[in-house]
Amino acid sequence: LVYTEEAGVNSIVIAATDNFDAMCQNIAFS
């Protein structure tokens, strides 16, 4: 009985956006 939260590789896929600057700012903060 082992409950875990472990390592992972999280991703963002950028296909298109209506607001380039706001998208970049959001990703930069993340």
PDB file of all heavy atoms in Angstrom:
ATOM      1  N   LEU A   1       0.851  -1.194   0.000  1.00  0.00           N
ATOM      2  CA  LEU A   1       0.000   0.000   0.000  1.00  0.00           C
ATOM      3  C   LEU A   1       0.888   1.246   0.000  1.00  0.00           C
ATOM      4  O   LEU A   1       1.265   1.775   1.042  1.00  0.00           O
ATOM      5  CB  LEU A   1      -0.927  -0.003   1.215  1.00  0.00           C
ATOM      6  CG  LEU A   1      -1.963  -1.132   1.252  1.00  0.00           C
ATOM      7  CD1 LEU A   1      -2.769  -1.062   2.544  1.00  0.00           C
ATOM      8  CD2 LEU A   1      -2.883  -1.050   0.045  1.00  0.00           C
ATOM      9  N   VAL A   2       1.233   1.701  -1.184  1.00  0.00           N
ATOM     10  CA  VAL A   2       2.117   2.850  -1.354  1.00  0.00           C
ATOM     11  C   VAL A   2       1.413   3.863  -2.253  1.00  0.00           C
ATOM     12  O   VAL A   2       1.043   3.555  -3.387  1.00  0.00           O
ATOM     13  CB  VAL A   2       3.461   2.444  -1.981  1.00  0.00           C
ATOM     14  CG1 VAL A   2       4.354   3.661  -2.169  1.00  0.00           C
ATOM     15  CG2 VAL A   2       4.159   1.391  -1.121  1.00  0.00           C
ATOM     16  N   TYR A   3       1.213   5.080  -1.735  1.00  0.00           N
ATOM     17  CA  TYR A   3       0.573   6.168  -2.474  1.00  0.00           C
ATOM     18  C   TYR A   3       1.647   7.174  -2.858  1.00  0.00           C
ATOM     19  O   TYR A   3       2.321   7.727  -1.985  1.00  0.00           O
ATOM     20  CB  TYR A   3      -0.491   6.859  -1.625  1.00  0.00           C
ATOM     21  CG  TYR A   3      -1.568   5.937  -1.110  1.00  0.00           C
ATOM     22  CD1 TYR A   3      -1.385   5.194   0.057  1.00  0.00           C
ATOM     23  CD2 TYR A   3      -2.788   5.809  -1.774  1.00  0.00           C
ATOM     24  CE1 TYR A   3      -2.373   4.349   0.541  1.00  0.00           C
ATOM     25  CE2 TYR A   3      -3.786   4.971  -1.294  1.00  0.00           C
ATOM     26  CZ  TYR A   3      -3.568   4.245  -0.134  1.00  0.00           C
ATOM     27  OH  TYR A   3      -4.552   3.415   0.332  1.00  0.00           O
ATOM     28  N   THR A   4       1.819   7.419  -4.153  1.00  0.00           N
ATOM     29  CA  THR A   4       2.943   8.250  -4.576  1.00  0.00           C
ATOM     30  C   THR A   4       2.540   9.420  -5.454  1.00  0.00           C
ATOM     31  O   THR A   4       1.575   9.357  -6.209  1.00  0.00           O
ATOM     32  CB  THR A   4       3.976   7.418  -5.368  1.00  0.00           C
ATOM     33  OG1 THR A   4       3.448   7.086  -6.665  1.00  0.00           O
ATOM     34  CG2 THR A   4       4.360   6.147  -4.638  1.00  0.00           C
ATOM     35  N   GLU A   5       3.305  10.497  -5.320  1.00  0.00           N
ATOM     36  CA  GLU A   5       3.387  11.555  -6.323  1.00  0.00           C
ATOM     37  C   GLU A   5       4.844  11.641  -6.708  1.00  0.00           C
ATOM     38  O   GLU A   5       5.704  11.923  -5.859  1.00  0.00           O
ATOM     39  CB  GLU A   5       2.907  12.903  -5.789  1.00  0.00           C
ATOM     40  CG  GLU A   5       3.005  14.006  -6.828  1.00  0.00           C
ATOM     41  CD  GLU A   5       2.904  15.399  -6.250  1.00  0.00           C
ATOM     42  OE1 GLU A   5       2.061  15.611  -5.371  1.00  0.00           O
ATOM     43  OE2 GLU A   5       3.687  16.281  -6.688  1.00  0.00           O
ATOM     44  N   GLU A   6       5.153  11.399  -7.979  1.00  0.00           N
ATOM     45  CA  GLU A   6       6.535  11.262  -8.411  1.00  0.00           C
ATOM     46  C   GLU A   6       6.864  12.274  -9.505  1.00  0.00           C
ATOM     47  O   GLU A   6       6.090  13.178  -9.808  1.00  0.00           O
ATOM     48  CB  GLU A   6       6.777   9.825  -8.893  1.00  0.00           C
ATOM     49  CG  GLU A   6       6.458   8.780  -7.824  1.00  0.00           C
ATOM     50  CD  GLU A   6       6.508   7.366  -8.350  1.00  0.00           C
ATOM     51  OE1 GLU A   6       7.478   7.019  -9.048  1.00  0.00           O
ATOM     52  OE2 GLU A   6       5.561   6.598  -8.070  1.00  0.00           O
ATOM     53  N   ALA A   7       8.027  12.083 -10.104  1.00  0.00           N
ATOM     54  CA  ALA A   7       8.504  13.003 -11.125  1.00  0.00           C
ATOM     55  C   ALA A   7       7.753  12.809 -12.427  1.00  0.00           C
ATOM     56  O   ALA A   7       7.222  11.740 -12.709  1.00  0.00           O
ATOM     57  CB  ALA A   7      10.002  12.781 -11.346  1.00  0.00           C
ATOM     58  N   GLY A   8       7.716  13.848 -13.231  1.00  0.00           N
ATOM     59  CA  GLY A   8       7.108  13.781 -14.544  1.00  0.00           C
ATOM     60  C   GLY A   8       7.698  14.846 -15.444  1.00  0.00           C
ATOM     61  O   GLY A   8       8.477  15.700 -15.006  1.00  0.00           O
ATOM     62  N   VAL A   9       7.338  14.790 -16.719  1.00  0.00           N
ATOM     63  CA  VAL A   9       7.800  15.766 -17.695  1.00  0.00           C
ATOM     64  C   VAL A   9       6.566  16.471 -18.255  1.00  0.00           C
ATOM     65  O   VAL A   9       5.830  15.909 -19.063  1.00  0.00           O
ATOM     66  CB  VAL A   9       8.597  15.094 -18.826  1.00  0.00           C
ATOM     67  CG1 VAL A   9       9.142  16.152 -19.786  1.00  0.00           C
ATOM     68  CG2 VAL A   9       9.734  14.252 -18.265  1.00  0.00           C
ATOM     69  N   ASN A  10       6.332  17.685 -17.801  1.00  0.00           N
ATOM     70  CA  ASN A  10       5.138  18.439 -18.190  1.00  0.00           C
ATOM     71  C   ASN A  10       5.402  19.249 -19.462  1.00  0.00           C
ATOM     72  O   ASN A  10       6.493  19.789 -19.641  1.00  0.00           O
ATOM     73  CB  ASN A  10       4.717  19.377 -17.061  1.00  0.00           C
ATOM     74  CG  ASN A  10       4.486  18.636 -15.760  1.00  0.00           C
ATOM     75  OD1 ASN A  10       3.896  17.565 -15.736  1.00  0.00           O
ATOM     76  ND2 ASN A  10       4.961  19.214 -14.657  1.00  0.00           N
ATOM     77  N   SER A  11       4.388  19.339 -20.303  1.00  0.00           N
ATOM     78  CA  SER A  11       4.565  19.958 -21.621  1.00  0.00           C
ATOM     79  C   SER A  11       3.498  21.007 -21.913  1.00  0.00           C
ATOM     80  O   SER A  11       2.374  20.933 -21.406  1.00  0.00           O
ATOM     81  CB  SER A  11       4.503  18.891 -22.723  1.00  0.00           C
ATOM     82  OG  SER A  11       5.518  17.915 -22.558  1.00  0.00           O
ATOM     83  N   ILE A  12       3.865  21.962 -22.771  1.00  0.00           N
ATOM     84  CA  ILE A  12       2.941  22.915 -23.377  1.00  0.00           C
ATOM     85  C   ILE A  12       3.056  22.762 -24.887  1.00  0.00           C
ATOM     86  O   ILE A  12       4.167  22.714 -25.430  1.00  0.00           O
ATOM     87  CB  ILE A  12       3.269  24.362 -22.978  1.00  0.00           C
ATOM     88  CG1 ILE A  12       3.124  24.560 -21.456  1.00  0.00           C
ATOM     89  CG2 ILE A  12       2.369  25.346 -23.722  1.00  0.00           C
ATOM     90  CD1 ILE A  12       3.508  25.960 -20.983  1.00  0.00           C
ATOM     91  N   VAL A  13       1.931  22.668 -25.568  1.00  0.00           N
ATOM     92  CA  VAL A  13       1.906  22.640 -27.032  1.00  0.00           C
ATOM     93  C   VAL A  13       1.326  23.967 -27.511  1.00  0.00           C
ATOM     94  O   VAL A  13       0.231  24.364 -27.094  1.00  0.00           O
ATOM     95  CB  VAL A  13       1.063  21.472 -27.557  1.00  0.00           C
ATOM     96  CG1 VAL A  13       1.036  21.490 -29.085  1.00  0.00           C
ATOM     97  CG2 VAL A  13       1.618  20.141 -27.051  1.00  0.00           C
ATOM     98  N   ILE A  14       2.066  24.657 -28.367  1.00  0.00           N
ATOM     99  CA  ILE A  14       1.632  25.956 -28.876  1.00  0.00           C
ATOM    100  C   ILE A  14       1.281  25.801 -30.342  1.00  0.00           C
ATOM    101  O   ILE A  14       2.161  25.604 -31.191  1.00  0.00           O
ATOM    102  CB  ILE A  14       2.727  27.021 -28.678  1.00  0.00           C
ATOM    103  CG1 ILE A  14       3.138  27.097 -27.207  1.00  0.00           C
ATOM    104  CG2 ILE A  14       2.236  28.374 -29.173  1.00  0.00           C
ATOM    105  CD1 ILE A  14       4.297  28.041 -26.937  1.00  0.00           C
ATOM    106  N   ALA A  15      -0.015  25.875 -30.645  1.00  0.00           N
ATOM    107  CA  ALA A  15      -0.492  25.750 -32.021  1.00  0.00           C
ATOM    108  C   ALA A  15      -0.864  27.115 -32.610  1.00  0.00           C
ATOM    109  O   ALA A  15      -0.495  27.443 -33.740  1.00  0.00           O
ATOM    110  CB  ALA A  15      -1.702  24.819 -32.076  1.00  0.00           C
ATOM    111  N   ALA A  16      -1.611  27.897 -31.811  1.00  0.00           N
ATOM    112  CA  ALA A  16      -2.065  29.217 -32.268  1.00  0.00           C
ATOM    113  C   ALA A  16      -2.596  29.976 -31.062  1.00  0.00           C
ATOM    114  O   ALA A  16      -2.910  29.381 -30.021  1.00  0.00           O
ATOM    115  CB  ALA A  16      -3.150  29.086 -33.335  1.00  0.00           C
ATOM    116  N   THR A  17      -2.686  31.283 -31.198  1.00  0.00           N
ATOM    117  CA  THR A  17      -3.223  32.099 -30.113  1.00  0.00           C
ATOM    118  C   THR A  17      -3.818  33.379 -30.680  1.00  0.00           C
ATOM    119  O   THR A  17      -3.369  33.879 -31.728  1.00  0.00           O
ATOM    120  CB  THR A  17      -2.138  32.446 -29.075  1.00  0.00           C
ATOM    121  OG1 THR A  17      -2.708  33.235 -28.025  1.00  0.00           O
ATOM    122  CG2 THR A  17      -0.996  33.221 -29.700  1.00  0.00           C
ATOM    123  N   ASP A  18      -4.802  33.914 -29.994  1.00  0.00           N
ATOM    124  CA  ASP A  18      -5.376  35.206 -30.371  1.00  0.00           C
ATOM    125  C   ASP A  18      -4.660  36.367 -29.698  1.00  0.00           C
ATOM    126  O   ASP A  18      -4.885  37.523 -30.062  1.00  0.00           O
ATOM    127  CB  ASP A  18      -6.862  35.252 -29.999  1.00  0.00           C
ATOM    128  CG  ASP A  18      -7.716  34.363 -30.905  1.00  0.00           C
ATOM    129  OD1 ASP A  18      -7.343  34.196 -32.085  1.00  0.00           O
ATOM    130  OD2 ASP A  18      -8.724  33.827 -30.424  1.00  0.00           O
ATOM    131  N   ASN A  19      -3.818  36.064 -28.703  1.00  0.00           N
ATOM    132  CA  ASN A  19      -3.152  37.120 -27.939  1.00  0.00           C
ATOM    133  C   ASN A  19      -1.732  36.668 -27.622  1.00  0.00           C
ATOM    134  O   ASN A  19      -1.480  36.042 -26.592  1.00  0.00           O
ATOM    135  CB  ASN A  19      -3.931  37.434 -26.664  1.00  0.00           C
ATOM    136  CG  ASN A  19      -3.443  38.695 -25.992  1.00  0.00           C
ATOM    137  OD1 ASN A  19      -2.274  39.067 -26.095  1.00  0.00           O
ATOM    138  ND2 ASN A  19      -4.342  39.370 -25.281  1.00  0.00           N
ATOM    139  N   PHE A  20      -0.819  36.952 -28.540  1.00  0.00           N
ATOM    140  CA  PHE A  20       0.557  36.457 -28.424  1.00  0.00           C
ATOM    141  C   PHE A  20       1.238  36.975 -27.168  1.00  0.00           C
ATOM    142  O   PHE A  20       1.875  36.208 -26.429  1.00  0.00           O
ATOM    143  CB  PHE A  20       1.351  36.849 -29.668  1.00  0.00           C
ATOM    144  CG  PHE A  20       2.760  36.332 -29.672  1.00  0.00           C
ATOM    145  CD1 PHE A  20       3.023  35.001 -29.932  1.00  0.00           C
ATOM    146  CD2 PHE A  20       3.825  37.185 -29.416  1.00  0.00           C
ATOM    147  CE1 PHE A  20       4.332  34.523 -29.934  1.00  0.00           C
ATOM    148  CE2 PHE A  20       5.134  36.719 -29.427  1.00  0.00           C
ATOM    149  CZ  PHE A  20       5.387  35.378 -29.683  1.00  0.00           C
ATOM    150  N   ASP A  21       1.137  38.262 -26.904  1.00  0.00           N
ATOM    151  CA  ASP A  21       1.832  38.829 -25.749  1.00  0.00           C
ATOM    152  C   ASP A  21       1.321  38.233 -24.439  1.00  0.00           C
ATOM    153  O   ASP A  21       2.112  37.882 -23.553  1.00  0.00           O
ATOM    154  CB  ASP A  21       1.667  40.345 -25.723  1.00  0.00           C
ATOM    155  CG  ASP A  21       2.458  41.041 -26.838  1.00  0.00           C
ATOM    156  OD1 ASP A  21       3.376  40.399 -27.393  1.00  0.00           O
ATOM    157  OD2 ASP A  21       2.150  42.201 -27.143  1.00  0.00           O
ATOM    158  N   ALA A  22       0.008  38.111 -24.310  1.00  0.00           N
ATOM    159  CA  ALA A  22      -0.555  37.557 -23.078  1.00  0.00           C
ATOM    160  C   ALA A  22      -0.173  36.091 -22.914  1.00  0.00           C
ATOM    161  O   ALA A  22       0.068  35.623 -21.799  1.00  0.00           O
ATOM    162  CB  ALA A  22      -2.069  37.719 -23.074  1.00  0.00           C
ATOM    163  N   MET A  23      -0.124  35.351 -24.012  1.00  0.00           N
ATOM    164  CA  MET A  23       0.318  33.960 -23.944  1.00  0.00           C
ATOM    165  C   MET A  23       1.760  33.880 -23.451  1.00  0.00           C
ATOM    166  O   MET A  23       2.080  33.082 -22.556  1.00  0.00           O
ATOM    167  CB  MET A  23       0.208  33.301 -25.317  1.00  0.00           C
ATOM    168  CG  MET A  23       0.668  31.849 -25.340  1.00  0.00           C
ATOM    169  SD  MET A  23       0.895  31.180 -27.015  1.00  0.00           S
ATOM    170  CE  MET A  23       2.456  31.970 -27.485  1.00  0.00           C
ATOM    171  N   CYS A  24       2.633  34.676 -24.035  1.00  0.00           N
ATOM    172  CA  CYS A  24       4.040  34.664 -23.626  1.00  0.00           C
ATOM    173  C   CYS A  24       4.192  35.041 -22.155  1.00  0.00           C
ATOM    174  O   CYS A  24       4.998  34.443 -21.430  1.00  0.00           O
ATOM    175  CB  CYS A  24       4.853  35.616 -24.503  1.00  0.00           C
ATOM    176  SG  CYS A  24       5.042  35.066 -26.224  1.00  0.00           S
ATOM    177  N   GLN A  25       3.424  36.019 -21.720  1.00  0.00           N
ATOM    178  CA  GLN A  25       3.496  36.435 -20.308  1.00  0.00           C
ATOM    179  C   GLN A  25       3.029  35.321 -19.378  1.00  0.00           C
ATOM    180  O   GLN A  25       3.625  35.101 -18.313  1.00  0.00           O
ATOM    181  CB  GLN A  25       2.654  37.691 -20.109  1.00  0.00           C
ATOM    182  CG  GLN A  25       3.223  38.934 -20.776  1.00  0.00           C
ATOM    183  CD  GLN A  25       2.209  40.050 -20.925  1.00  0.00           C
ATOM    184  OE1 GLN A  25       1.097  39.974 -20.397  1.00  0.00           O
ATOM    185  NE2 GLN A  25       2.568  41.089 -21.670  1.00  0.00           N
ATOM    186  N   ASN A  26       1.985  34.618 -19.772  1.00  0.00           N
ATOM    187  CA  ASN A  26       1.475  33.535 -18.939  1.00  0.00           C
ATOM    188  C   ASN A  26       2.497  32.411 -18.836  1.00  0.00           C
ATOM    189  O   ASN A  26       2.769  31.892 -17.741  1.00  0.00           O
ATOM    190  CB  ASN A  26       0.155  33.017 -19.515  1.00  0.00           C
ATOM    191  CG  ASN A  26      -0.556  32.078 -18.572  1.00  0.00           C
ATOM    192  OD1 ASN A  26      -0.220  30.897 -18.507  1.00  0.00           O
ATOM    193  ND2 ASN A  26      -1.536  32.590 -17.834  1.00  0.00           N
ATOM    194  N   ILE A  27       3.075  32.034 -19.975  1.00  0.00           N
ATOM    195  CA  ILE A  27       4.086  30.969 -19.968  1.00  0.00           C
ATOM    196  C   ILE A  27       5.316  31.410 -19.188  1.00  0.00           C
ATOM    197  O   ILE A  27       5.905  30.625 -18.422  1.00  0.00           O
ATOM    198  CB  ILE A  27       4.453  30.575 -21.409  1.00  0.00           C
ATOM    199  CG1 ILE A  27       3.248  29.937 -22.106  1.00  0.00           C
ATOM    200  CG2 ILE A  27       5.634  29.619 -21.427  1.00  0.00           C
ATOM    201  CD1 ILE A  27       3.458  29.666 -23.584  1.00  0.00           C
ATOM    202  N   ALA A  28       5.714  32.669 -19.342  1.00  0.00           N
ATOM    203  CA  ALA A  28       6.891  33.177 -18.621  1.00  0.00           C
ATOM    204  C   ALA A  28       6.701  33.066 -17.116  1.00  0.00           C
ATOM    205  O   ALA A  28       7.628  32.693 -16.380  1.00  0.00           O
ATOM    206  CB  ALA A  28       7.148  34.627 -19.021  1.00  0.00           C
ATOM    207  N   PHE A  29       5.496  33.397 -16.651  1.00  0.00           N
ATOM    208  CA  PHE A  29       5.235  33.289 -15.212  1.00  0.00           C
ATOM    209  C   PHE A  29       5.302  31.835 -14.774  1.00  0.00           C
ATOM    210  O   PHE A  29       5.877  31.522 -13.723  1.00  0.00           O
ATOM    211  CB  PHE A  29       3.867  33.889 -14.882  1.00  0.00           C
ATOM    212  CG  PHE A  29       3.617  34.048 -13.405  1.00  0.00           C
ATOM    213  CD1 PHE A  29       3.987  35.208 -12.741  1.00  0.00           C
ATOM    214  CD2 PHE A  29       3.025  33.027 -12.678  1.00  0.00           C
ATOM    215  CE1 PHE A  29       3.771  35.354 -11.373  1.00  0.00           C
ATOM    216  CE2 PHE A  29       2.804  33.156 -11.318  1.00  0.00           C
ATOM    217  CZ  PHE A  29       3.178  34.316 -10.663  1.00  0.00           C
ATOM    218  N   SER A  30       4.737  30.939 -15.560  1.00  0.00           N
ATOM    219  CA  SER A  30       4.762  29.522 -15.210  1.00  0.00           C
ATOM    220  C   SER A  30       6.188  28.982 -15.144  1.00  0.00           C
ATOM    221  O   SER A  30       6.506  28.151 -14.291  1.00  0.00           O
ATOM    222  CB  SER A  30       3.956  28.706 -16.222  1.00  0.00           C
ATOM    223  OG  SER A  30       2.581  28.990 -16.111  1.00  0.00           O
TER     224      SER A  30
END
